[in-house]
Amino acid sequence: MTCEGCSNAVTRVLSRLGDVEYEIDLPNKKVVIQSDNHSVDQLLETLKKTGKEARHLSSK
């Protein structure tokens, strides 16, 4: 994620899922996602629809 267009793409795909809270940290190229109804794998597959690399860093 390197630009506002990238963050808009992330916003677009995550908003389609519903019941997802997220915060985009563009300078650090990260998205923090909180969802009780979606698995990590489902979230990663959704993020990959943006055409960008996505990986799971940690769970809180």
Protein backbone atom coordinates (compact mmCIF):
# COMPACT_ATOMS: atom_id res chain seq x y z
CA MET A 1 0.00 0.00 0.00
CA THR A 2 1.74 3.09 -1.19
CA CYS A 3 -0.90 5.67 -2.00
CA GLU A 4 -4.39 6.97 -1.36
CA GLY A 5 -5.67 4.83 -4.24
CA CYS A 6 -4.40 1.73 -2.46
CA SER A 7 -6.10 2.68 0.78
CA ASN A 8 -9.32 3.40 -1.13
CA ALA A 9 -9.17 -0.10 -2.64
CA VAL A 10 -8.73 -1.61 0.83
CA THR A 11 -11.65 0.43 2.14
CA ARG A 12 -13.81 -0.68 -0.79
CA VAL A 13 -13.21 -4.43 -0.36
CA LEU A 14 -13.45 -4.42 3.44
CA SER A 15 -16.64 -2.36 3.47
CA ARG A 16 -18.29 -5.03 1.29
CA LEU A 17 -17.71 -7.65 4.00
CA GLY A 18 -19.68 -5.85 6.67
CA ASP A 19 -19.11 -6.16 10.41
CA VAL A 20 -15.42 -5.27 10.05
CA GLU A 21 -13.61 -2.49 11.88
CA TYR A 22 -10.30 -1.40 10.40
CA GLU A 23 -7.70 1.31 10.55
CA ILE A 24 -5.39 2.04 7.64
CA ASP A 25 -1.83 3.11 8.49
CA LEU A 26 -0.62 4.27 5.08
CA PRO A 27 2.87 5.47 6.15
CA ASN A 28 3.62 2.03 7.62
CA LYS A 29 1.73 0.18 4.88
CA LYS A 30 -0.49 -1.67 7.36
CA VAL A 31 -4.16 -2.28 8.00
CA VAL A 32 -5.37 -3.24 11.47
CA ILE A 33 -8.58 -5.22 11.21
CA GLN A 34 -10.98 -6.35 13.90
CA SER A 35 -13.78 -8.75 13.09
CA ASP A 36 -15.53 -11.42 15.12
CA ASN A 37 -17.36 -12.85 12.10
CA HIS A 38 -14.56 -13.32 9.56
CA SER A 39 -11.55 -15.62 9.68
CA VAL A 40 -8.00 -14.45 9.03
CA ASP A 41 -8.00 -16.45 5.79
CA GLN A 42 -11.21 -14.79 4.62
CA LEU A 43 -9.84 -11.34 5.41
CA LEU A 44 -6.58 -12.09 3.57
CA GLU A 45 -8.43 -13.35 0.50
CA THR A 46 -10.59 -10.22 0.53
CA LEU A 47 -7.52 -7.96 0.76
CA LYS A 48 -5.82 -9.82 -2.10
CA LYS A 49 -8.68 -8.67 -4.35
CA THR A 50 -7.03 -5.24 -4.29
CA GLY A 51 -4.09 -6.69 -6.23
CA LYS A 52 -1.70 -6.05 -3.37
CA GLU A 53 0.20 -8.51 -1.21
CA ALA A 54 -1.51 -9.26 2.09
CA ARG A 55 -0.22 -11.24 5.05
CA HIS A 56 -1.17 -11.81 8.65
CA LEU A 57 1.27 -10.27 11.11
CA SER A 58 -0.28 -10.97 14.52
CA SER A 59 -3.46 -11.41 16.49
CA LYS A 60 -4.32 -9.51 19.64
